[in-house]
């Protein structure tokens, strides 16, 4: 399953996540995962963050804070984030599903636009 990783260094890349998802995604965010549904991210997308990121003193994630509307309520998003889609993989069970090419293009353009060009594809940031 493909997800979009956006780092605290304002770099983004598409990454493949295997099973169990909580472990492979957990490695990308650096610990226990928490699924967040920020108002700035349209349904069916979700943002996965490090559940204990604030306790560990992780740096701010610019795009995560923009999506989460941190400026309005003051609660920051820290550490790397992973953006995925949620859907129904079996009757009645909601789960992560991977991003397709259109999703990646949409989310990438959204990240670049909302960050004022501050977030770049990892391949362009070198």
PDB file of N, CA and C in Angstrom:
ATOM      1  N   UNK A   1       0.848  -1.164   0.000  1.00  0.00           N
ATOM      2  CA  UNK A   1       0.000   0.000   0.000  1.00  0.00           C
ATOM      3  C   UNK A   1       0.899   1.233   0.000  1.00  0.00           C
ATOM      4  N   UNK A   2       0.576   2.192  -0.855  1.00  0.00           N
ATOM      5  CA  UNK A   2       1.365   3.416  -0.966  1.00  0.00           C
ATOM      6  C   UNK A   2       0.791   4.514  -0.079  1.00  0.00           C
ATOM      7  N   UNK A   3       1.718   5.257   0.544  1.00  0.00           N
ATOM      8  CA  UNK A   3       1.352   6.407   1.348  1.00  0.00           C
ATOM      9  C   UNK A   3       2.299   7.548   1.033  1.00  0.00           C
ATOM     10  N   UNK A   4       1.897   8.750   1.353  1.00  0.00           N
ATOM     11  CA  UNK A   4       2.729   9.932   1.146  1.00  0.00           C
ATOM     12  C   UNK A   4       3.331  10.349   2.481  1.00  0.00           C
ATOM     13  N   UNK A   5       4.657  10.311   2.569  1.00  0.00           N
ATOM     14  CA  UNK A   5       5.364  10.708   3.779  1.00  0.00           C
ATOM     15  C   UNK A   5       5.831  12.149   3.598  1.00  0.00           C
ATOM     16  N   UNK A   6       5.530  12.984   4.593  1.00  0.00           N
ATOM     17  CA  UNK A   6       6.007  14.363   4.589  1.00  0.00           C
ATOM     18  C   UNK A   6       6.789  14.560   5.879  1.00  0.00           C
ATOM     19  N   UNK A   7       8.064  14.907   5.717  1.00  0.00           N
ATOM     20  CA  UNK A   7       8.967  14.990   6.858  1.00  0.00           C
ATOM     21  C   UNK A   7       8.964  16.376   7.491  1.00  0.00           C
ATOM     22  N   UNK A   8       9.599  16.445   8.640  1.00  0.00           N
ATOM     23  CA  UNK A   8       9.745  17.731   9.324  1.00  0.00           C
ATOM     24  C   UNK A   8      10.739  18.635   8.601  1.00  0.00           C
ATOM     25  N   UNK A   9      11.492  18.065   7.654  1.00  0.00           N
ATOM     26  CA  UNK A   9      12.411  18.863   6.834  1.00  0.00           C
ATOM     27  C   UNK A   9      11.729  19.371   5.562  1.00  0.00           C
ATOM     28  N   UNK A  10      10.397  19.233   5.497  1.00  0.00           N
ATOM     29  CA  UNK A  10       9.586  19.702   4.370  1.00  0.00           C
ATOM     30  C   UNK A  10       9.890  18.976   3.064  1.00  0.00           C
ATOM     31  N   UNK A  11      10.189  17.692   3.164  1.00  0.00           N
ATOM     32  CA  UNK A  11      10.387  16.847   1.991  1.00  0.00           C
ATOM     33  C   UNK A  11       9.272  15.811   1.967  1.00  0.00           C
ATOM     34  N   UNK A  12       8.835  15.479   0.758  1.00  0.00           N
ATOM     35  CA  UNK A  12       7.801  14.445   0.650  1.00  0.00           C
ATOM     36  C   UNK A  12       8.235  13.372  -0.327  1.00  0.00           C
ATOM     37  N   UNK A  13       7.744  12.168  -0.060  1.00  0.00           N
ATOM     38  CA  UNK A  13       8.029  11.035  -0.926  1.00  0.00           C
ATOM     39  C   UNK A  13       6.913  10.006  -0.793  1.00  0.00           C
ATOM     40  N   UNK A  14       6.716   9.261  -1.864  1.00  0.00           N
ATOM     41  CA  UNK A  14       5.773   8.148  -1.834  1.00  0.00           C
ATOM     42  C   UNK A  14       6.537   6.950  -1.311  1.00  0.00           C
ATOM     43  N   UNK A  15       5.934   6.246  -0.357  1.00  0.00           N
ATOM     44  CA  UNK A  15       6.583   5.080   0.225  1.00  0.00           C
ATOM     45  C   UNK A  15       5.599   3.909   0.246  1.00  0.00           C
ATOM     46  N   UNK A  16       6.133   2.730   0.069  1.00  0.00           N
ATOM     47  CA  UNK A  16       5.333   1.499   0.108  1.00  0.00           C
ATOM     48  C   UNK A  16       5.319   0.971   1.540  1.00  0.00           C
ATOM     49  N   UNK A  17       4.124   0.660   2.047  1.00  0.00           N
ATOM     50  CA  UNK A  17       3.965   0.124   3.396  1.00  0.00           C
ATOM     51  C   UNK A  17       3.385  -1.279   3.314  1.00  0.00           C
ATOM     52  N   UNK A  18       4.008  -2.204   4.023  1.00  0.00           N
ATOM     53  CA  UNK A  18       3.553  -3.589   4.048  1.00  0.00           C
ATOM     54  C   UNK A  18       2.772  -3.880   5.322  1.00  0.00           C
ATOM     55  N   UNK A  19       2.509  -5.143   5.528  1.00  0.00           N
ATOM     56  CA  UNK A  19       1.783  -5.594   6.720  1.00  0.00           C
ATOM     57  C   UNK A  19       2.774  -6.074   7.768  1.00  0.00           C
ATOM     58  N   UNK A  20       2.495  -5.934   9.021  1.00  0.00           N
ATOM     59  CA  UNK A  20       1.352  -5.214   9.568  1.00  0.00           C
ATOM     60  C   UNK A  20       1.547  -3.702   9.431  1.00  0.00           C
ATOM     61  N   UNK A  21       0.492  -3.042   9.013  1.00  0.00           N
ATOM     62  CA  UNK A  21       0.564  -1.613   8.711  1.00  0.00           C
ATOM     63  C   UNK A  21       0.998  -0.780   9.910  1.00  0.00           C
ATOM     64  N   UNK A  22       0.516  -1.142  11.098  1.00  0.00           N
ATOM     65  CA  UNK A  22       0.878  -0.333  12.261  1.00  0.00           C
ATOM     66  C   UNK A  22       2.387  -0.337  12.506  1.00  0.00           C
ATOM     67  N   UNK A  23       3.063  -1.417  12.132  1.00  0.00           N
ATOM     68  CA  UNK A  23       4.521  -1.474  12.307  1.00  0.00           C
ATOM     69  C   UNK A  23       5.258  -0.697  11.215  1.00  0.00           C
ATOM     70  N   UNK A  24       4.885  -0.921   9.964  1.00  0.00           N
ATOM     71  CA  UNK A  24       5.614  -0.264   8.874  1.00  0.00           C
ATOM     72  C   UNK A  24       5.351   1.239   8.847  1.00  0.00           C
ATOM     73  N   UNK A  25       4.130   1.639   9.113  1.00  0.00           N
ATOM     74  CA  UNK A  25       3.823   3.073   9.192  1.00  0.00           C
ATOM     75  C   UNK A  25       4.460   3.661  10.450  1.00  0.00           C
ATOM     76  N   UNK A  26       4.464   2.897  11.527  1.00  0.00           N
ATOM     77  CA  UNK A  26       5.088   3.327  12.776  1.00  0.00           C
ATOM     78  C   UNK A  26       6.565   3.655  12.594  1.00  0.00           C
ATOM     79  N   UNK A  27       7.249   2.893  11.748  1.00  0.00           N
ATOM     80  CA  UNK A  27       8.660   3.186  11.477  1.00  0.00           C
ATOM     81  C   UNK A  27       8.811   4.535  10.781  1.00  0.00           C
ATOM     82  N   UNK A  28       7.874   4.863   9.892  1.00  0.00           N
ATOM     83  CA  UNK A  28       7.943   6.133   9.166  1.00  0.00           C
ATOM     84  C   UNK A  28       7.710   7.336  10.078  1.00  0.00           C
ATOM     85  N   UNK A  29       6.843   7.159  11.095  1.00  0.00           N
ATOM     86  CA  UNK A  29       6.554   8.276  12.007  1.00  0.00           C
ATOM     87  C   UNK A  29       7.371   8.187  13.294  1.00  0.00           C
ATOM     88  N   UNK A  30       8.111   7.110  13.458  1.00  0.00           N
ATOM     89  CA  UNK A  30       9.014   7.001  14.592  1.00  0.00           C
ATOM     90  C   UNK A  30       8.397   6.527  15.888  1.00  0.00           C
ATOM     91  N   UNK A  31       7.336   5.739  15.830  1.00  0.00           N
ATOM     92  CA  UNK A  31       6.750   5.223  17.072  1.00  0.00           C
ATOM     93  C   UNK A  31       5.311   4.776  16.898  1.00  0.00           C
ATOM     94  N   UNK A  32       4.584   4.801  18.024  1.00  0.00           N
ATOM     95  CA  UNK A  32       3.170   4.410  18.006  1.00  0.00           C
ATOM     96  C   UNK A  32       2.392   5.345  17.093  1.00  0.00           C
ATOM     97  N   UNK A  33       1.442   4.778  16.334  1.00  0.00           N
ATOM     98  CA  UNK A  33       0.701   5.606  15.387  1.00  0.00           C
ATOM     99  C   UNK A  33      -0.620   6.083  15.967  1.00  0.00           C
ATOM    100  N   UNK A  34      -1.026   7.252  15.513  1.00  0.00           N
ATOM    101  CA  UNK A  34      -2.345   7.811  15.814  1.00  0.00           C
ATOM    102  C   UNK A  34      -2.920   8.318  14.503  1.00  0.00           C
ATOM    103  N   UNK A  35      -4.156   7.957  14.229  1.00  0.00           N
ATOM    104  CA  UNK A  35      -4.832   8.404  13.009  1.00  0.00           C
ATOM    105  C   UNK A  35      -5.583   9.688  13.328  1.00  0.00           C
ATOM    106  N   UNK A  36      -5.353  10.707  12.503  1.00  0.00           N
ATOM    107  CA  UNK A  36      -5.963  12.019  12.692  1.00  0.00           C
ATOM    108  C   UNK A  36      -6.755  12.355  11.426  1.00  0.00           C
ATOM    109  N   UNK A  37      -7.896  12.986  11.611  1.00  0.00           N
ATOM    110  CA  UNK A  37      -8.734  13.419  10.483  1.00  0.00           C
ATOM    111  C   UNK A  37      -8.862  14.940  10.515  1.00  0.00           C
ATOM    112  N   UNK A  38      -7.801  15.641  10.089  1.00  0.00           N
ATOM    113  CA  UNK A  38      -7.841  17.110  10.151  1.00  0.00           C
ATOM    114  C   UNK A  38      -8.833  17.688   9.147  1.00  0.00           C
ATOM    115  N   UNK A  39      -9.406  18.822   9.502  1.00  0.00           N
ATOM    116  CA  UNK A  39     -10.384  19.474   8.631  1.00  0.00           C
ATOM    117  C   UNK A  39      -9.789  19.900   7.297  1.00  0.00           C
ATOM    118  N   UNK A  40      -8.484  20.138   7.267  1.00  0.00           N
ATOM    119  CA  UNK A  40      -7.823  20.560   6.036  1.00  0.00           C
ATOM    120  C   UNK A  40      -7.560  19.438   5.044  1.00  0.00           C
ATOM    121  N   UNK A  41      -7.893  18.226   5.403  1.00  0.00           N
ATOM    122  CA  UNK A  41      -7.640  17.072   4.544  1.00  0.00           C
ATOM    123  C   UNK A  41      -8.977  16.437   4.180  1.00  0.00           C
ATOM    124  N   UNK A  42      -9.332  16.446   2.894  1.00  0.00           N
ATOM    125  CA  UNK A  42     -10.659  15.942   2.512  1.00  0.00           C
ATOM    126  C   UNK A  42     -10.800  14.435   2.717  1.00  0.00           C
ATOM    127  N   UNK A  43     -12.025  14.033   2.991  1.00  0.00           N
ATOM    128  CA  UNK A  43     -12.363  12.620   3.113  1.00  0.00           C
ATOM    129  C   UNK A  43     -12.185  11.975   1.745  1.00  0.00           C
ATOM    130  N   UNK A  44     -11.611  10.844   1.589  1.00  0.00           N
ATOM    131  CA  UNK A  44     -11.353   9.764   2.542  1.00  0.00           C
ATOM    132  C   UNK A  44      -9.912   9.726   3.048  1.00  0.00           C
ATOM    133  N   UNK A  45      -9.173  10.837   2.939  1.00  0.00           N
ATOM    134  CA  UNK A  45      -7.782  10.837   3.372  1.00  0.00           C
ATOM    135  C   UNK A  45      -7.674  10.993   4.880  1.00  0.00           C
ATOM    136  N   UNK A  46      -6.599  10.448   5.425  1.00  0.00           N
ATOM    137  CA  UNK A  46      -6.309  10.606   6.844  1.00  0.00           C
ATOM    138  C   UNK A  46      -4.815  10.856   7.005  1.00  0.00           C
ATOM    139  N   UNK A  47      -4.448  11.372   8.158  1.00  0.00           N
ATOM    140  CA  UNK A  47      -3.060  11.670   8.466  1.00  0.00           C
ATOM    141  C   UNK A  47      -2.656  10.783   9.646  1.00  0.00           C
ATOM    142  N   UNK A  48      -1.532  10.107   9.500  1.00  0.00           N
ATOM    143  CA  UNK A  48      -1.024   9.266  10.572  1.00  0.00           C
ATOM    144  C   UNK A  48       0.195   9.961  11.167  1.00  0.00           C
ATOM    145  N   UNK A  49       0.183  10.096  12.491  1.00  0.00           N
ATOM    146  CA  UNK A  49       1.237  10.809  13.206  1.00  0.00           C
ATOM    147  C   UNK A  49       1.792   9.925  14.321  1.00  0.00           C
ATOM    148  N   UNK A  50       2.876  10.373  14.937  1.00  0.00           N
ATOM    149  CA  UNK A  50       3.433   9.698  16.101  1.00  0.00           C
ATOM    150  C   UNK A  50       2.593  10.091  17.311  1.00  0.00           C
ATOM    151  N   UNK A  51       1.971   9.110  17.934  1.00  0.00           N
ATOM    152  CA  UNK A  51       1.084   9.357  19.072  1.00  0.00           C
ATOM    153  C   UNK A  51       1.790  10.059  20.232  1.00  0.00           C
ATOM    154  N   UNK A  52       3.069   9.785  20.414  1.00  0.00           N
ATOM    155  CA  UNK A  52       3.825  10.345  21.536  1.00  0.00           C
ATOM    156  C   UNK A  52       4.834  11.408  21.083  1.00  0.00           C
ATOM    157  N   UNK A  53       4.602  11.976  19.908  1.00  0.00           N
ATOM    158  CA  UNK A  53       5.553  12.924  19.343  1.00  0.00           C
ATOM    159  C   UNK A  53       5.863  14.104  20.235  1.00  0.00           C
ATOM    160  N   UNK A  54       4.858  14.673  20.883  1.00  0.00           N
ATOM    161  CA  UNK A  54       5.089  15.813  21.779  1.00  0.00           C
ATOM    162  C   UNK A  54       5.919  15.396  22.985  1.00  0.00           C
ATOM    163  N   UNK A  55       5.638  14.225  23.537  1.00  0.00           N
ATOM    164  CA  UNK A  55       6.400  13.731  24.689  1.00  0.00           C
ATOM    165  C   UNK A  55       7.871  13.529  24.348  1.00  0.00           C
ATOM    166  N   UNK A  56       8.140  13.142  23.104  1.00  0.00           N
ATOM    167  CA  UNK A  56       9.509  12.898  22.667  1.00  0.00           C
ATOM    168  C   UNK A  56      10.191  14.156  22.123  1.00  0.00           C
ATOM    169  N   UNK A  57       9.478  15.273  22.101  1.00  0.00           N
ATOM    170  CA  UNK A  57      10.065  16.530  21.648  1.00  0.00           C
ATOM    171  C   UNK A  57      10.373  16.569  20.159  1.00  0.00           C
ATOM    172  N   UNK A  58       9.560  15.884  19.355  1.00  0.00           N
ATOM    173  CA  UNK A  58       9.791  15.878  17.910  1.00  0.00           C
ATOM    174  C   UNK A  58       9.557  17.273  17.333  1.00  0.00           C
ATOM    175  N   UNK A  59      10.247  17.616  16.252  1.00  0.00           N
ATOM    176  CA  UNK A  59      10.077  18.944  15.643  1.00  0.00           C
ATOM    177  C   UNK A  59       8.713  19.093  14.964  1.00  0.00           C
ATOM    178  N   UNK A  60       8.308  20.336  14.795  1.00  0.00           N
ATOM    179  CA  UNK A  60       7.037  20.640  14.129  1.00  0.00           C
ATOM    180  C   UNK A  60       7.031  20.125  12.698  1.00  0.00           C
ATOM    181  N   UNK A  61       5.863  19.725  12.246  1.00  0.00           N
ATOM    182  CA  UNK A  61       5.668  19.353  10.851  1.00  0.00           C
ATOM    183  C   UNK A  61       4.792  20.440  10.228  1.00  0.00           C
ATOM    184  N   UNK A  62       5.375  21.238   9.370  1.00  0.00           N
ATOM    185  CA  UNK A  62       4.692  22.390   8.773  1.00  0.00           C
ATOM    186  C   UNK A  62       3.366  22.001   8.120  1.00  0.00           C
ATOM    187  N   UNK A  63       3.408  21.022   7.237  1.00  0.00           N
ATOM    188  CA  UNK A  63       2.191  20.655   6.514  1.00  0.00           C
ATOM    189  C   UNK A  63       1.157  20.047   7.454  1.00  0.00           C
ATOM    190  N   UNK A  64       1.606  19.231   8.395  1.00  0.00           N
ATOM    191  CA  UNK A  64       0.677  18.663   9.376  1.00  0.00           C
ATOM    192  C   UNK A  64      -0.028  19.748  10.165  1.00  0.00           C
ATOM    193  N   UNK A  65       0.726  20.779  10.564  1.00  0.00           N
ATOM    194  CA  UNK A  65       0.132  21.893  11.312  1.00  0.00           C
ATOM    195  C   UNK A  65      -0.859  22.680  10.461  1.00  0.00           C
ATOM    196  N   UNK A  66      -0.541  22.858   9.176  1.00  0.00           N
ATOM    197  CA  UNK A  66      -1.465  23.561   8.274  1.00  0.00           C
ATOM    198  C   UNK A  66      -2.771  22.773   8.168  1.00  0.00           C
ATOM    199  N   UNK A  67      -2.669  21.470   7.911  1.00  0.00           N
ATOM    200  CA  UNK A  67      -3.873  20.647   7.772  1.00  0.00           C
ATOM    201  C   UNK A  67      -4.692  20.616   9.055  1.00  0.00           C
ATOM    202  N   UNK A  68      -4.006  20.562  10.189  1.00  0.00           N
ATOM    203  CA  UNK A  68      -4.658  20.426  11.492  1.00  0.00           C
ATOM    204  C   UNK A  68      -5.174  21.754  12.035  1.00  0.00           C
ATOM    205  N   UNK A  69      -4.851  22.857  11.339  1.00  0.00           N
ATOM    206  CA  UNK A  69      -5.268  24.207  11.732  1.00  0.00           C
ATOM    207  C   UNK A  69      -4.700  24.593  13.099  1.00  0.00           C
ATOM    208  N   UNK A  70      -3.432  24.278  13.284  1.00  0.00           N
ATOM    209  CA  UNK A  70      -2.745  24.549  14.544  1.00  0.00           C
ATOM    210  C   UNK A  70      -2.798  26.023  14.928  1.00  0.00           C
ATOM    211  N   UNK A  71      -2.745  26.909  13.946  1.00  0.00           N
ATOM    212  CA  UNK A  71      -2.778  28.349  14.223  1.00  0.00           C
ATOM    213  C   UNK A  71      -4.049  28.729  14.985  1.00  0.00           C
ATOM    214  N   UNK A  72      -5.161  28.068  14.675  1.00  0.00           N
ATOM    215  CA  UNK A  72      -6.440  28.388  15.313  1.00  0.00           C
ATOM    216  C   UNK A  72      -6.517  27.886  16.754  1.00  0.00           C
ATOM    217  N   UNK A  73      -6.074  26.649  17.006  1.00  0.00           N
ATOM    218  CA  UNK A  73      -6.283  26.075  18.340  1.00  0.00           C
ATOM    219  C   UNK A  73      -5.000  25.814  19.139  1.00  0.00           C
ATOM    220  N   UNK A  74      -3.837  25.935  18.504  1.00  0.00           N
ATOM    221  CA  UNK A  74      -2.578  25.838  19.224  1.00  0.00           C
ATOM    222  C   UNK A  74      -2.022  24.437  19.429  1.00  0.00           C
ATOM    223  N   UNK A  75      -2.708  23.397  18.991  1.00  0.00           N
ATOM    224  CA  UNK A  75      -2.210  22.030  19.153  1.00  0.00           C
ATOM    225  C   UNK A  75      -1.405  21.637  17.916  1.00  0.00           C
ATOM    226  N   UNK A  76      -0.087  21.460  18.073  1.00  0.00           N
ATOM    227  CA  UNK A  76       0.766  21.208  16.907  1.00  0.00           C
ATOM    228  C   UNK A  76       0.798  19.742  16.477  1.00  0.00           C
ATOM    229  N   UNK A  77       1.201  19.546  15.244  1.00  0.00           N
ATOM    230  CA  UNK A  77       1.522  18.226  14.716  1.00  0.00           C
ATOM    231  C   UNK A  77       3.044  18.180  14.629  1.00  0.00           C
ATOM    232  N   UNK A  78       3.631  17.144  15.221  1.00  0.00           N
ATOM    233  CA  UNK A  78       5.086  17.034  15.253  1.00  0.00           C
ATOM    234  C   UNK A  78       5.533  15.712  14.632  1.00  0.00           C
ATOM    235  N   UNK A  79       6.762  15.708  14.155  1.00  0.00           N
ATOM    236  CA  UNK A  79       7.318  14.499  13.556  1.00  0.00           C
ATOM    237  C   UNK A  79       6.836  14.297  12.136  1.00  0.00           C
ATOM    238  N   UNK A  80       7.367  13.268  11.508  1.00  0.00           N
ATOM    239  CA  UNK A  80       6.947  12.935  10.147  1.00  0.00           C
ATOM    240  C   UNK A  80       5.496  12.488  10.147  1.00  0.00           C
ATOM    241  N   UNK A  81       4.815  12.765   9.041  1.00  0.00           N
ATOM    242  CA  UNK A  81       3.426  12.320   8.889  1.00  0.00           C
ATOM    243  C   UNK A  81       3.319  11.417   7.663  1.00  0.00           C
ATOM    244  N   UNK A  82       2.304  10.578   7.675  1.00  0.00           N
ATOM    245  CA  UNK A  82       1.988   9.739   6.526  1.00  0.00           C
ATOM    246  C   UNK A  82       0.530  10.006   6.176  1.00  0.00           C
ATOM    247  N   UNK A  83       0.286  10.289   4.902  1.00  0.00           N
ATOM    248  CA  UNK A  83      -1.093  10.493   4.446  1.00  0.00           C
ATOM    249  C   UNK A  83      -1.510   9.260   3.658  1.00  0.00           C
ATOM    250  N   UNK A  84      -2.661   8.727   4.030  1.00  0.00           N
ATOM    251  CA  UNK A  84      -3.236   7.535   3.409  1.00  0.00           C
ATOM    252  C   UNK A  84      -4.711   7.789   3.154  1.00  0.00           C
ATOM    253  N   UNK A  85      -5.341   6.819   2.527  1.00  0.00           N
ATOM    254  CA  UNK A  85      -6.799   6.834   2.399  1.00  0.00           C
ATOM    255  C   UNK A  85      -7.358   5.792   3.351  1.00  0.00           C
ATOM    256  N   UNK A  86      -8.571   6.024   3.779  1.00  0.00           N
ATOM    257  CA  UNK A  86      -9.297   5.022   4.543  1.00  0.00           C
ATOM    258  C   UNK A  86     -10.455   4.544   3.697  1.00  0.00           C
ATOM    259  N   UNK A  87     -10.765   3.291   3.831  1.00  0.00           N
ATOM    260  CA  UNK A  87     -11.885   2.722   3.094  1.00  0.00           C
ATOM    261  C   UNK A  87     -12.280   1.402   3.705  1.00  0.00           C
ATOM    262  N   UNK A  88     -13.199   0.740   3.061  1.00  0.00           N
ATOM    263  CA  UNK A  88     -13.680  -0.542   3.546  1.00  0.00           C
ATOM    264  C   UNK A  88     -13.037  -1.650   2.735  1.00  0.00           C
ATOM    265  N   UNK A  89     -12.196  -2.451   3.404  1.00  0.00           N
ATOM    266  CA  UNK A  89     -11.512  -3.542   2.716  1.00  0.00           C
ATOM    267  C   UNK A  89     -12.308  -4.832   2.786  1.00  0.00           C
ATOM    268  N   UNK A  90     -13.083  -4.984   3.833  1.00  0.00           N
ATOM    269  CA  UNK A  90     -14.010  -6.115   3.963  1.00  0.00           C
ATOM    270  C   UNK A  90     -15.310  -5.542   4.494  1.00  0.00           C
ATOM    271  N   UNK A  91     -16.406  -6.212   4.275  1.00  0.00           N
ATOM    272  CA  UNK A  91     -17.698  -5.648   4.704  1.00  0.00           C
ATOM    273  C   UNK A  91     -17.691  -5.211   6.170  1.00  0.00           C
ATOM    274  N   UNK A  92     -17.935  -3.924   6.354  1.00  0.00           N
ATOM    275  CA  UNK A  92     -18.071  -3.386   7.696  1.00  0.00           C
ATOM    276  C   UNK A  92     -16.781  -3.029   8.402  1.00  0.00           C
ATOM    277  N   UNK A  93     -15.621  -3.258   7.799  1.00  0.00           N
ATOM    278  CA  UNK A  93     -14.349  -2.955   8.461  1.00  0.00           C
ATOM    279  C   UNK A  93     -13.618  -1.834   7.733  1.00  0.00           C
ATOM    280  N   UNK A  94     -13.446  -0.726   8.440  1.00  0.00           N
ATOM    281  CA  UNK A  94     -12.710   0.412   7.878  1.00  0.00           C
ATOM    282  C   UNK A  94     -11.228   0.188   8.124  1.00  0.00           C
ATOM    283  N   UNK A  95     -10.419   0.469   7.107  1.00  0.00           N
ATOM    284  CA  UNK A  95      -8.987   0.226   7.211  1.00  0.00           C
ATOM    285  C   UNK A  95      -8.255   1.167   6.266  1.00  0.00           C
ATOM    286  N   UNK A  96      -6.927   1.178   6.378  1.00  0.00           N
ATOM    287  CA  UNK A  96      -6.111   1.949   5.448  1.00  0.00           C
ATOM    288  C   UNK A  96      -6.157   1.294   4.076  1.00  0.00           C
ATOM    289  N   UNK A  97      -6.213   2.132   3.054  1.00  0.00           N
ATOM    290  CA  UNK A  97      -6.023   1.652   1.686  1.00  0.00           C
ATOM    291  C   UNK A  97      -4.976   2.561   1.047  1.00  0.00           C
ATOM    292  N   UNK A  98      -4.280   2.052   0.086  1.00  0.00           N
ATOM    293  CA  UNK A  98      -3.193   2.801  -0.514  1.00  0.00           C
ATOM    294  C   UNK A  98      -3.651   3.929  -1.423  1.00  0.00           C
ATOM    295  N   UNK A  99      -2.721   4.821  -1.685  1.00  0.00           N
ATOM    296  CA  UNK A  99      -2.966   5.930  -2.595  1.00  0.00           C
ATOM    297  C   UNK A  99      -2.700   5.473  -4.026  1.00  0.00           C
ATOM    298  N   UNK A 100      -3.470   6.022  -4.976  1.00  0.00           N
ATOM    299  CA  UNK A 100      -3.176   5.773  -6.383  1.00  0.00           C
ATOM    300  C   UNK A 100      -2.455   7.005  -6.951  1.00  0.00           C
ATOM    301  N   UNK A 101      -2.094   6.959  -8.214  1.00  0.00           N
ATOM    302  CA  UNK A 101      -1.323   8.058  -8.825  1.00  0.00           C
ATOM    303  C   UNK A 101      -2.063   9.397  -8.749  1.00  0.00           C
ATOM    304  N   UNK A 102      -3.374   9.385  -8.982  1.00  0.00           N
ATOM    305  CA  UNK A 102      -4.146  10.629  -8.908  1.00  0.00           C
ATOM    306  C   UNK A 102      -4.135  11.210  -7.496  1.00  0.00           C
ATOM    307  N   UNK A 103      -4.231  10.327  -6.494  1.00  0.00           N
ATOM    308  CA  UNK A 103      -4.175  10.786  -5.101  1.00  0.00           C
ATOM    309  C   UNK A 103      -2.829  11.444  -4.809  1.00  0.00           C
ATOM    310  N   UNK A 104      -1.756  10.814  -5.266  1.00  0.00           N
ATOM    311  CA  UNK A 104      -0.409  11.333  -5.026  1.00  0.00           C
ATOM    312  C   UNK A 104      -0.242  12.699  -5.687  1.00  0.00           C
ATOM    313  N   UNK A 105      -0.709  12.840  -6.918  1.00  0.00           N
ATOM    314  CA  UNK A 105      -0.618  14.132  -7.612  1.00  0.00           C
ATOM    315  C   UNK A 105      -1.409  15.204  -6.873  1.00  0.00           C
ATOM    316  N   UNK A 106      -2.630  14.861  -6.472  1.00  0.00           N
ATOM    317  CA  UNK A 106      -3.492  15.800  -5.748  1.00  0.00           C
ATOM    318  C   UNK A 106      -2.848  16.236  -4.438  1.00  0.00           C
ATOM    319  N   UNK A 107      -2.402  15.267  -3.627  1.00  0.00           N
ATOM    320  CA  UNK A 107      -1.822  15.580  -2.324  1.00  0.00           C
ATOM    321  C   UNK A 107      -0.491  16.325  -2.454  1.00  0.00           C
ATOM    322  N   UNK A 108       0.313  15.945  -3.437  1.00  0.00           N
ATOM    323  CA  UNK A 108       1.581  16.635  -3.663  1.00  0.00           C
ATOM    324  C   UNK A 108       1.364  18.089  -4.032  1.00  0.00           C
ATOM    325  N   UNK A 109       0.438  18.333  -4.953  1.00  0.00           N
ATOM    326  CA  UNK A 109       0.128  19.704  -5.354  1.00  0.00           C
ATOM    327  C   UNK A 109      -0.444  20.500  -4.183  1.00  0.00           C
ATOM    328  N   UNK A 110      -1.256  19.855  -3.383  1.00  0.00           N
ATOM    329  CA  UNK A 110      -1.845  20.497  -2.211  1.00  0.00           C
ATOM    330  C   UNK A 110      -0.751  20.896  -1.214  1.00  0.00           C
ATOM    331  N   UNK A 111       0.203  20.004  -0.969  1.00  0.00           N
ATOM    332  CA  UNK A 111       1.299  20.292  -0.035  1.00  0.00           C
ATOM    333  C   UNK A 111       2.147  21.455  -0.520  1.00  0.00           C
ATOM    334  N   UNK A 112       2.486  21.458  -1.792  1.00  0.00           N
ATOM    335  CA  UNK A 112       3.298  22.539  -2.350  1.00  0.00           C
ATOM    336  C   UNK A 112       2.541  23.859  -2.269  1.00  0.00           C
ATOM    337  N   UNK A 113       1.269  23.844  -2.643  1.00  0.00           N
ATOM    338  CA  UNK A 113       0.463  25.059  -2.653  1.00  0.00           C
ATOM    339  C   UNK A 113       0.257  25.629  -1.240  1.00  0.00           C
ATOM    340  N   UNK A 114      -0.201  24.789  -0.314  1.00  0.00           N
ATOM    341  CA  UNK A 114      -0.498  25.273   1.036  1.00  0.00           C
ATOM    342  C   UNK A 114       0.754  25.715   1.789  1.00  0.00           C
ATOM    343  N   UNK A 115       1.914  25.158   1.415  1.00  0.00           N
ATOM    344  CA  UNK A 115       3.164  25.541   2.092  1.00  0.00           C
ATOM    345  C   UNK A 115       3.855  26.706   1.388  1.00  0.00           C
ATOM    346  N   UNK A 116       3.230  27.232   0.342  1.00  0.00           N
ATOM    347  CA  UNK A 116       3.853  28.328  -0.406  1.00  0.00           C
ATOM    348  C   UNK A 116       5.130  27.904  -1.106  1.00  0.00           C
ATOM    349  N   UNK A 117       5.192  26.638  -1.484  1.00  0.00           N
ATOM    350  CA  UNK A 117       6.376  26.114  -2.160  1.00  0.00           C
ATOM    351  C   UNK A 117       7.457  25.625  -1.213  1.00  0.00           C
ATOM    352  N   UNK A 118       7.191  25.677   0.083  1.00  0.00           N
ATOM    353  CA  UNK A 118       8.183  25.251   1.068  1.00  0.00           C
ATOM    354  C   UNK A 118       8.402  23.748   1.110  1.00  0.00           C
ATOM    355  N   UNK A 119       7.373  22.984   0.768  1.00  0.00           N
ATOM    356  CA  UNK A 119       7.491  21.530   0.755  1.00  0.00           C
ATOM    357  C   UNK A 119       7.815  21.096  -0.665  1.00  0.00           C
ATOM    358  N   UNK A 120       8.816  20.241  -0.775  1.00  0.00           N
ATOM    359  CA  UNK A 120       9.271  19.779  -2.097  1.00  0.00           C
ATOM    360  C   UNK A 120       9.349  18.261  -2.106  1.00  0.00           C
ATOM    361  N   UNK A 121       9.237  17.708  -3.327  1.00  0.00           N
ATOM    362  CA  UNK A 121       9.478  16.278  -3.476  1.00  0.00           C
ATOM    363  C   UNK A 121      10.919  16.001  -3.106  1.00  0.00           C
ATOM    364  N   UNK A 122      11.183  14.912  -2.426  1.00  0.00           N
ATOM    365  CA  UNK A 122      12.541  14.596  -1.980  1.00  0.00           C
ATOM    366  C   UNK A 122      13.529  14.618  -3.140  1.00  0.00           C
ATOM    367  N   UNK A 123      13.109  14.158  -4.299  1.00  0.00           N
ATOM    368  CA  UNK A 123      13.997  14.143  -5.464  1.00  0.00           C
ATOM    369  C   UNK A 123      14.363  15.564  -5.930  1.00  0.00           C
ATOM    370  N   UNK A 124      13.512  16.543  -5.643  1.00  0.00           N
ATOM    371  CA  UNK A 124      13.774  17.931  -6.040  1.00  0.00           C
ATOM    372  C   UNK A 124      14.541  18.699  -4.970  1.00  0.00           C
ATOM    373  N   UNK A 125      14.553  18.191  -3.751  1.00  0.00           N
ATOM    374  CA  UNK A 125      15.125  18.934  -2.623  1.00  0.00           C
ATOM    375  C   UNK A 125      16.637  18.801  -2.519  1.00  0.00           C
ATOM    376  N   UNK A 126      17.223  17.926  -3.315  1.00  0.00           N
ATOM    377  CA  UNK A 126      18.666  17.691  -3.205  1.00  0.00           C
ATOM    378  C   UNK A 126      19.483  18.734  -3.903  1.00  0.00           C
TER     379      UNK A 126
END
